[in-house]
Every structure is written in structure tokens, then in C-alpha cells.
Amino acid sequence: VLIARLTEAVYVNICRGLFKKDKSIFSLLIAVQILRQCKSIAEAEWNFLLRAGVLVKAEDEANCPVAWLDPKKWGLLCALE
């Protein structure tokens, strides 16, 4: 209960000084950190979300097996493995 109230107090106080567009990003970061602490989001999943474009290999994009799927999206799917 104490951690939940402290988290809420920090959120409310920091959001007072943020622009509206930045509040949603801050909310996402708080939520993700809570879920990471609870082990609901694995480190590999978080790293994929942050660095997905870096993980795509050119050969994976070139070997897209279907015409209807964008090669970049195929590369992202291959990076999930």
C-alpha cells in the first residue's frame, strides 16, 4: 500500500510540470517499470520494444516468404525469435 501511494504521489507531482503530450510517455514508463519489477515484462521483450529496428538483419528482410508482408515487418518478426 505504501509503495502504491508513493508511486501515485510521484506521478501526480511530476505530471504537474509536464506538457500534456509528455504525460502519456511518462505514464507508459511508470507502468512498464512496475510491470518489469513484477516480472510481467521480460527483459528481452523490453529490449525488443526499445531496439527493434537495430535487431533487424538485412538478409531476413531479403528472404520474406510472402509478397503481402512488408519485408521490414518480416525482419521484425524474425528478430522476435
PDB file of N, CA and C in Angstrom:
ATOM      1  N   VAL A   1       0.833  -1.184   0.000  1.00  0.00           N
ATOM      2  CA  VAL A   1       0.000   0.000   0.000  1.00  0.00           C
ATOM      3  C   VAL A   1       0.883   1.255   0.000  1.00  0.00           C
ATOM      4  N   LEU A   2       1.946   1.211   0.763  1.00  0.00           N
ATOM      5  CA  LEU A   2       2.836   2.365   0.842  1.00  0.00           C
ATOM      6  C   LEU A   2       3.484   2.654  -0.510  1.00  0.00           C
ATOM      7  N   ILE A   3       3.938   1.613  -1.180  1.00  0.00           N
ATOM      8  CA  ILE A   3       4.596   1.806  -2.481  1.00  0.00           C
ATOM      9  C   ILE A   3       3.599   2.336  -3.502  1.00  0.00           C
ATOM     10  N   ALA A   4       2.371   1.840  -3.456  1.00  0.00           N
ATOM     11  CA  ALA A   4       1.353   2.310  -4.410  1.00  0.00           C
ATOM     12  C   ALA A   4       1.049   3.790  -4.194  1.00  0.00           C
ATOM     13  N   ARG A   5       0.921   4.199  -2.958  1.00  0.00           N
ATOM     14  CA  ARG A   5       0.632   5.611  -2.672  1.00  0.00           C
ATOM     15  C   ARG A   5       1.819   6.507  -3.008  1.00  0.00           C
ATOM     16  N   LEU A   6       3.010   6.022  -2.738  1.00  0.00           N
ATOM     17  CA  LEU A   6       4.204   6.794  -3.076  1.00  0.00           C
ATOM     18  C   LEU A   6       4.340   6.942  -4.585  1.00  0.00           C
ATOM     19  N   THR A   7       4.087   5.871  -5.306  1.00  0.00           N
ATOM     20  CA  THR A   7       4.139   5.926  -6.764  1.00  0.00           C
ATOM     21  C   THR A   7       3.119   6.920  -7.306  1.00  0.00           C
ATOM     22  N   GLU A   8       1.923   6.884  -6.747  1.00  0.00           N
ATOM     23  CA  GLU A   8       0.885   7.822  -7.183  1.00  0.00           C
ATOM     24  C   GLU A   8       1.276   9.263  -6.869  1.00  0.00           C
ATOM     25  N   ALA A   9       1.835   9.499  -5.706  1.00  0.00           N
ATOM     26  CA  ALA A   9       2.249  10.854  -5.334  1.00  0.00           C
ATOM     27  C   ALA A   9       3.344  11.375  -6.262  1.00  0.00           C
ATOM     28  N   VAL A  10       4.304  10.520  -6.582  1.00  0.00           N
ATOM     29  CA  VAL A  10       5.375  10.913  -7.510  1.00  0.00           C
ATOM     30  C   VAL A  10       4.786  11.223  -8.876  1.00  0.00           C
ATOM     31  N   TYR A  11       3.878  10.365  -9.337  1.00  0.00           N
ATOM     32  CA  TYR A  11       3.256  10.565 -10.644  1.00  0.00           C
ATOM     33  C   TYR A  11       2.503  11.895 -10.694  1.00  0.00           C
ATOM     34  N   VAL A  12       1.674  12.145  -9.708  1.00  0.00           N
ATOM     35  CA  VAL A  12       0.869  13.371  -9.693  1.00  0.00           C
ATOM     36  C   VAL A  12       1.760  14.609  -9.639  1.00  0.00           C
ATOM     37  N   ASN A  13       2.778  14.583  -8.799  1.00  0.00           N
ATOM     38  CA  ASN A  13       3.641  15.755  -8.666  1.00  0.00           C
ATOM     39  C   ASN A  13       4.471  16.017  -9.913  1.00  0.00           C
ATOM     40  N   ILE A  14       4.947  14.968 -10.544  1.00  0.00           N
ATOM     41  CA  ILE A  14       5.739  15.165 -11.762  1.00  0.00           C
ATOM     42  C   ILE A  14       4.853  15.579 -12.922  1.00  0.00           C
ATOM     43  N   CYS A  15       3.660  15.009 -13.011  1.00  0.00           N
ATOM     44  CA  CYS A  15       2.755  15.353 -14.113  1.00  0.00           C
ATOM     45  C   CYS A  15       2.322  16.817 -14.085  1.00  0.00           C
ATOM     46  N   ARG A  16       2.366  17.427 -12.933  1.00  0.00           N
ATOM     47  CA  ARG A  16       2.028  18.847 -12.853  1.00  0.00           C
ATOM     48  C   ARG A  16       2.954  19.701 -13.708  1.00  0.00           C
ATOM     49  N   GLY A  17       4.202  19.268 -13.828  1.00  0.00           N
ATOM     50  CA  GLY A  17       5.177  20.051 -14.574  1.00  0.00           C
ATOM     51  C   GLY A  17       5.376  19.596 -16.007  1.00  0.00           C
ATOM     52  N   LEU A  18       4.599  18.612 -16.467  1.00  0.00           N
ATOM     53  CA  LEU A  18       4.766  18.100 -17.827  1.00  0.00           C
ATOM     54  C   LEU A  18       3.696  18.652 -18.752  1.00  0.00           C
ATOM     55  N   PHE A  19       4.049  18.770 -20.029  1.00  0.00           N
ATOM     56  CA  PHE A  19       3.064  19.089 -21.046  1.00  0.00           C
ATOM     57  C   PHE A  19       2.168  17.872 -21.255  1.00  0.00           C
ATOM     58  N   LYS A  20       0.973  18.108 -21.801  1.00  0.00           N
ATOM     59  CA  LYS A  20       0.008  17.024 -21.980  1.00  0.00           C
ATOM     60  C   LYS A  20       0.581  15.889 -22.828  1.00  0.00           C
ATOM     61  N   LYS A  21       1.307  16.239 -23.880  1.00  0.00           N
ATOM     62  CA  LYS A  21       1.862  15.215 -24.766  1.00  0.00           C
ATOM     63  C   LYS A  21       2.915  14.354 -24.055  1.00  0.00           C
ATOM     64  N   ASP A  22       3.556  14.885 -23.053  1.00  0.00           N
ATOM     65  CA  ASP A  22       4.599  14.150 -22.340  1.00  0.00           C
ATOM     66  C   ASP A  22       4.053  13.286 -21.208  1.00  0.00           C
ATOM     67  N   LYS A  23       2.838  13.570 -20.771  1.00  0.00           N
ATOM     68  CA  LYS A  23       2.254  12.794 -19.670  1.00  0.00           C
ATOM     69  C   LYS A  23       2.009  11.342 -20.058  1.00  0.00           C
ATOM     70  N   SER A  24       1.603  11.104 -21.300  1.00  0.00           N
ATOM     71  CA  SER A  24       1.349   9.721 -21.723  1.00  0.00           C
ATOM     72  C   SER A  24       2.654   8.922 -21.783  1.00  0.00           C
ATOM     73  N   ILE A  25       3.725   9.546 -22.209  1.00  0.00           N
ATOM     74  CA  ILE A  25       5.020   8.859 -22.246  1.00  0.00           C
ATOM     75  C   ILE A  25       5.487   8.546 -20.826  1.00  0.00           C
ATOM     76  N   PHE A  26       5.330   9.516 -19.929  1.00  0.00           N
ATOM     77  CA  PHE A  26       5.708   9.295 -18.542  1.00  0.00           C
ATOM     78  C   PHE A  26       4.862   8.184 -17.922  1.00  0.00           C
ATOM     79  N   SER A  27       3.563   8.159 -18.233  1.00  0.00           N
ATOM     80  CA  SER A  27       2.677   7.100 -17.734  1.00  0.00           C
ATOM     81  C   SER A  27       3.120   5.735 -18.236  1.00  0.00           C
ATOM     82  N   LEU A  28       3.498   5.671 -19.506  1.00  0.00           N
ATOM     83  CA  LEU A  28       3.989   4.406 -20.066  1.00  0.00           C
ATOM     84  C   LEU A  28       5.245   3.946 -19.338  1.00  0.00           C
ATOM     85  N   LEU A  29       6.178   4.861 -19.110  1.00  0.00           N
ATOM     86  CA  LEU A  29       7.423   4.496 -18.434  1.00  0.00           C
ATOM     87  C   LEU A  29       7.184   4.003 -17.007  1.00  0.00           C
ATOM     88  N   ILE A  30       6.278   4.666 -16.288  1.00  0.00           N
ATOM     89  CA  ILE A  30       5.948   4.228 -14.925  1.00  0.00           C
ATOM     90  C   ILE A  30       5.318   2.838 -14.961  1.00  0.00           C
ATOM     91  N   ALA A  31       4.352   2.644 -15.869  1.00  0.00           N
ATOM     92  CA  ALA A  31       3.658   1.350 -15.963  1.00  0.00           C
ATOM     93  C   ALA A  31       4.619   0.231 -16.339  1.00  0.00           C
ATOM     94  N   VAL A  32       5.500   0.501 -17.289  1.00  0.00           N
ATOM     95  CA  VAL A  32       6.460  -0.529 -17.719  1.00  0.00           C
ATOM     96  C   VAL A  32       7.414  -0.885 -16.578  1.00  0.00           C
ATOM     97  N   GLN A  33       7.866   0.115 -15.850  1.00  0.00           N
ATOM     98  CA  GLN A  33       8.770  -0.175 -14.732  1.00  0.00           C
ATOM     99  C   GLN A  33       8.085  -1.013 -13.656  1.00  0.00           C
ATOM    100  N   ILE A  34       6.826  -0.724 -13.387  1.00  0.00           N
ATOM    101  CA  ILE A  34       6.078  -1.526 -12.411  1.00  0.00           C
ATOM    102  C   ILE A  34       5.959  -2.966 -12.904  1.00  0.00           C
ATOM    103  N   LEU A  35       5.614  -3.133 -14.177  1.00  0.00           N
ATOM    104  CA  LEU A  35       5.477  -4.477 -14.737  1.00  0.00           C
ATOM    105  C   LEU A  35       6.813  -5.211 -14.802  1.00  0.00           C
ATOM    106  N   ARG A  36       7.898  -4.485 -15.057  1.00  0.00           N
ATOM    107  CA  ARG A  36       9.218  -5.128 -15.071  1.00  0.00           C
ATOM    108  C   ARG A  36       9.603  -5.602 -13.676  1.00  0.00           C
ATOM    109  N   GLN A  37       9.270  -4.818 -12.654  1.00  0.00           N
ATOM    110  CA  GLN A  37       9.568  -5.222 -11.279  1.00  0.00           C
ATOM    111  C   GLN A  37       8.761  -6.452 -10.871  1.00  0.00           C
ATOM    112  N   CYS A  38       7.545  -6.568 -11.401  1.00  0.00           N
ATOM    113  CA  CYS A  38       6.686  -7.728 -11.108  1.00  0.00           C
ATOM    114  C   CYS A  38       7.025  -8.921 -12.000  1.00  0.00           C
ATOM    115  N   LYS A  39       7.999  -8.758 -12.888  1.00  0.00           N
ATOM    116  CA  LYS A  39       8.406  -9.790 -13.847  1.00  0.00           C
ATOM    117  C   LYS A  39       7.302 -10.121 -14.845  1.00  0.00           C
ATOM    118  N   SER A  40       6.389  -9.181 -15.096  1.00  0.00           N
ATOM    119  CA  SER A  40       5.351  -9.372 -16.107  1.00  0.00           C
ATOM    120  C   SER A  40       5.862  -9.055 -17.505  1.00  0.00           C
ATOM    121  N   ILE A  41       6.897  -8.232 -17.577  1.00  0.00           N
ATOM    122  CA  ILE A  41       7.564  -7.929 -18.842  1.00  0.00           C
ATOM    123  C   ILE A  41       9.000  -8.402 -18.718  1.00  0.00           C
ATOM    124  N   ALA A  42       9.380  -9.301 -19.598  1.00  0.00           N
ATOM    125  CA  ALA A  42      10.742  -9.836 -19.584  1.00  0.00           C
ATOM    126  C   ALA A  42      11.715  -8.806 -20.160  1.00  0.00           C
ATOM    127  N   GLU A  43      12.956  -8.924 -19.774  1.00  0.00           N
ATOM    128  CA  GLU A  43      13.989  -8.012 -20.280  1.00  0.00           C
ATOM    129  C   GLU A  43      14.094  -8.093 -21.797  1.00  0.00           C
ATOM    130  N   ALA A  44      13.977  -9.303 -22.344  1.00  0.00           N
ATOM    131  CA  ALA A  44      14.067  -9.469 -23.799  1.00  0.00           C
ATOM    132  C   ALA A  44      12.931  -8.730 -24.509  1.00  0.00           C
ATOM    133  N   GLU A  45      11.737  -8.764 -23.940  1.00  0.00           N
ATOM    134  CA  GLU A  45      10.602  -8.050 -24.534  1.00  0.00           C
ATOM    135  C   GLU A  45      10.816  -6.540 -24.474  1.00  0.00           C
ATOM    136  N   TRP A  46      11.303  -6.050 -23.359  1.00  0.00           N
ATOM    137  CA  TRP A  46      11.557  -4.621 -23.207  1.00  0.00           C
ATOM    138  C   TRP A  46      12.652  -4.170 -24.166  1.00  0.00           C
ATOM    139  N   ASN A  47      13.710  -4.954 -24.277  1.00  0.00           N
ATOM    140  CA  ASN A  47      14.795  -4.612 -25.200  1.00  0.00           C
ATOM    141  C   ASN A  47      14.317  -4.620 -26.649  1.00  0.00           C
ATOM    142  N   PHE A  48      13.416  -5.561 -26.983  1.00  0.00           N
ATOM    143  CA  PHE A  48      12.877  -5.584 -28.339  1.00  0.00           C
ATOM    144  C   PHE A  48      12.065  -4.326 -28.613  1.00  0.00           C
ATOM    145  N   LEU A  49      11.263  -3.909 -27.647  1.00  0.00           N
ATOM    146  CA  LEU A  49      10.471  -2.696 -27.819  1.00  0.00           C
ATOM    147  C   LEU A  49      11.369  -1.477 -28.023  1.00  0.00           C
ATOM    148  N   LEU A  50      12.461  -1.404 -27.292  1.00  0.00           N
ATOM    149  CA  LEU A  50      13.356  -0.255 -27.385  1.00  0.00           C
ATOM    150  C   LEU A  50      14.240  -0.277 -28.621  1.00  0.00           C
ATOM    151  N   ARG A  51      14.695  -1.459 -28.997  1.00  0.00           N
ATOM    152  CA  ARG A  51      15.730  -1.551 -30.033  1.00  0.00           C
ATOM    153  C   ARG A  51      15.328  -2.412 -31.219  1.00  0.00           C
ATOM    154  N   ALA A  52      14.067  -2.515 -31.519  1.00  0.00           N
ATOM    155  CA  ALA A  52      13.602  -3.435 -32.563  1.00  0.00           C
ATOM    156  C   ALA A  52      14.262  -3.170 -33.913  1.00  0.00           C
ATOM    157  N   GLY A  53      14.386  -1.924 -34.298  1.00  0.00           N
ATOM    158  CA  GLY A  53      14.968  -1.606 -35.598  1.00  0.00           C
ATOM    159  C   GLY A  53      16.417  -2.020 -35.735  1.00  0.00           C
ATOM    160  N   VAL A  54      17.143  -2.020 -34.650  1.00  0.00           N
ATOM    161  CA  VAL A  54      18.556  -2.395 -34.672  1.00  0.00           C
ATOM    162  C   VAL A  54      18.720  -3.914 -34.831  1.00  0.00           C
ATOM    163  N   LEU A  55      17.733  -4.661 -34.359  1.00  0.00           N
ATOM    164  CA  LEU A  55      17.824  -6.123 -34.374  1.00  0.00           C
ATOM    165  C   LEU A  55      17.519  -6.742 -35.733  1.00  0.00           C
ATOM    166  N   VAL A  56      16.971  -5.963 -36.658  1.00  0.00           N
ATOM    167  CA  VAL A  56      16.582  -6.482 -37.966  1.00  0.00           C
ATOM    168  C   VAL A  56      17.821  -6.678 -38.833  1.00  0.00           C
ATOM    169  N   LYS A  57      17.931  -7.875 -39.392  1.00  0.00           N
ATOM    170  CA  LYS A  57      19.053  -8.192 -40.278  1.00  0.00           C
ATOM    171  C   LYS A  57      18.613  -8.028 -41.728  1.00  0.00           C
ATOM    172  N   ALA A  58      19.494  -7.543 -42.554  1.00  0.00           N
ATOM    173  CA  ALA A  58      19.176  -7.308 -43.968  1.00  0.00           C
ATOM    174  C   ALA A  58      18.820  -8.603 -44.678  1.00  0.00           C
ATOM    175  N   GLU A  59      19.479  -9.704 -44.329  1.00  0.00           N
ATOM    176  CA  GLU A  59      19.178 -10.978 -45.001  1.00  0.00           C
ATOM    177  C   GLU A  59      17.787 -11.497 -44.639  1.00  0.00           C
ATOM    178  N   ASP A  60      17.310 -11.169 -43.435  1.00  0.00           N
ATOM    179  CA  ASP A  60      15.949 -11.562 -43.068  1.00  0.00           C
ATOM    180  C   ASP A  60      14.922 -10.800 -43.901  1.00  0.00           C
ATOM    181  N   GLU A  61      15.164  -9.522 -44.092  1.00  0.00           N
ATOM    182  CA  GLU A  61      14.257  -8.725 -44.922  1.00  0.00           C
ATOM    183  C   GLU A  61      14.250  -9.223 -46.363  1.00  0.00           C
ATOM    184  N   ALA A  62      15.403  -9.610 -46.864  1.00  0.00           N
ATOM    185  CA  ALA A  62      15.502 -10.080 -48.248  1.00  0.00           C
ATOM    186  C   ALA A  62      14.816 -11.420 -48.445  1.00  0.00           C
ATOM    187  N   ASN A  63      14.703 -12.222 -47.389  1.00  0.00           N
ATOM    188  CA  ASN A  63      14.129 -13.565 -47.504  1.00  0.00           C
ATOM    189  C   ASN A  63      12.663 -13.630 -47.083  1.00  0.00           C
ATOM    190  N   CYS A  64      11.923 -12.559 -47.280  1.00  0.00           N
ATOM    191  CA  CYS A  64      10.500 -12.537 -46.920  1.00  0.00           C
ATOM    192  C   CYS A  64       9.760 -13.556 -47.788  1.00  0.00           C
ATOM    193  N   PRO A  65       9.076 -14.551 -47.179  1.00  0.00           N
ATOM    194  CA  PRO A  65       8.478 -15.643 -47.952  1.00  0.00           C
ATOM    195  C   PRO A  65       7.153 -15.300 -48.634  1.00  0.00           C
ATOM    196  N   VAL A  66       6.508 -14.207 -48.258  1.00  0.00           N
ATOM    197  CA  VAL A  66       5.215 -13.869 -48.845  1.00  0.00           C
ATOM    198  C   VAL A  66       5.244 -12.446 -49.388  1.00  0.00           C
ATOM    199  N   ALA A  67       4.499 -12.225 -50.461  1.00  0.00           N
ATOM    200  CA  ALA A  67       4.516 -10.919 -51.115  1.00  0.00           C
ATOM    201  C   ALA A  67       3.689  -9.879 -50.360  1.00  0.00           C
ATOM    202  N   TRP A  68       2.675 -10.311 -49.630  1.00  0.00           N
ATOM    203  CA  TRP A  68       1.757  -9.376 -48.972  1.00  0.00           C
ATOM    204  C   TRP A  68       2.326  -8.766 -47.693  1.00  0.00           C
ATOM    205  N   LEU A  69       3.432  -9.315 -47.194  1.00  0.00           N
ATOM    206  CA  LEU A  69       4.022  -8.802 -45.960  1.00  0.00           C
ATOM    207  C   LEU A  69       5.220  -7.917 -46.280  1.00  0.00           C
ATOM    208  N   ASP A  70       5.234  -6.756 -45.687  1.00  0.00           N
ATOM    209  CA  ASP A  70       6.335  -5.824 -45.865  1.00  0.00           C
ATOM    210  C   ASP A  70       7.634  -6.471 -45.377  1.00  0.00           C
ATOM    211  N   PRO A  71       8.714  -6.407 -46.153  1.00  0.00           N
ATOM    212  CA  PRO A  71       9.981  -7.027 -45.735  1.00  0.00           C
ATOM    213  C   PRO A  71      10.499  -6.517 -44.386  1.00  0.00           C
ATOM    214  N   LYS A  72      10.268  -5.252 -44.082  1.00  0.00           N
ATOM    215  CA  LYS A  72      10.708  -4.702 -42.791  1.00  0.00           C
ATOM    216  C   LYS A  72       9.960  -5.389 -41.644  1.00  0.00           C
ATOM    217  N   LYS A  73       8.666  -5.618 -41.835  1.00  0.00           N
ATOM    218  CA  LYS A  73       7.875  -6.302 -40.810  1.00  0.00           C
ATOM    219  C   LYS A  73       8.307  -7.764 -40.685  1.00  0.00           C
ATOM    220  N   TRP A  74       8.663  -8.386 -41.797  1.00  0.00           N
ATOM    221  CA  TRP A  74       9.181  -9.748 -41.729  1.00  0.00           C
ATOM    222  C   TRP A  74      10.490  -9.798 -40.935  1.00  0.00           C
ATOM    223  N   GLY A  75      11.329  -8.819 -41.153  1.00  0.00           N
ATOM    224  CA  GLY A  75      12.581  -8.740 -40.404  1.00  0.00           C
ATOM    225  C   GLY A  75      12.329  -8.585 -38.911  1.00  0.00           C
ATOM    226  N   LEU A  76      11.320  -7.789 -38.544  1.00  0.00           N
ATOM    227  CA  LEU A  76      10.960  -7.644 -37.132  1.00  0.00           C
ATOM    228  C   LEU A  76      10.443  -8.954 -36.548  1.00  0.00           C
ATOM    229  N   LEU A  77       9.653  -9.680 -37.321  1.00  0.00           N
ATOM    230  CA  LEU A  77       9.169 -10.986 -36.866  1.00  0.00           C
ATOM    231  C   LEU A  77      10.329 -11.964 -36.651  1.00  0.00           C
ATOM    232  N   CYS A  78      11.282 -11.928 -37.545  1.00  0.00           N
ATOM    233  CA  CYS A  78      12.459 -12.800 -37.407  1.00  0.00           C
ATOM    234  C   CYS A  78      13.285 -12.414 -36.189  1.00  0.00           C
ATOM    235  N   ALA A  79      13.328 -11.131 -35.886  1.00  0.00           N
ATOM    236  CA  ALA A  79      14.095 -10.657 -34.724  1.00  0.00           C
ATOM    237  C   ALA A  79      13.464 -11.116 -33.406  1.00  0.00           C
ATOM    238  N   LEU A  80      12.176 -11.415 -33.415  1.00  0.00           N
ATOM    239  CA  LEU A  80      11.496 -11.880 -32.206  1.00  0.00           C
ATOM    240  C   LEU A  80      11.949 -13.265 -31.794  1.00  0.00           C
ATOM    241  N   GLU A  81      12.459 -14.034 -32.705  1.00  0.00           N
ATOM    242  CA  GLU A  81      12.849 -15.419 -32.395  1.00  0.00           C
ATOM    243  C   GLU A  81      13.907 -15.497 -31.339  1.00  0.00           C
TER     244      GLU A  81
END
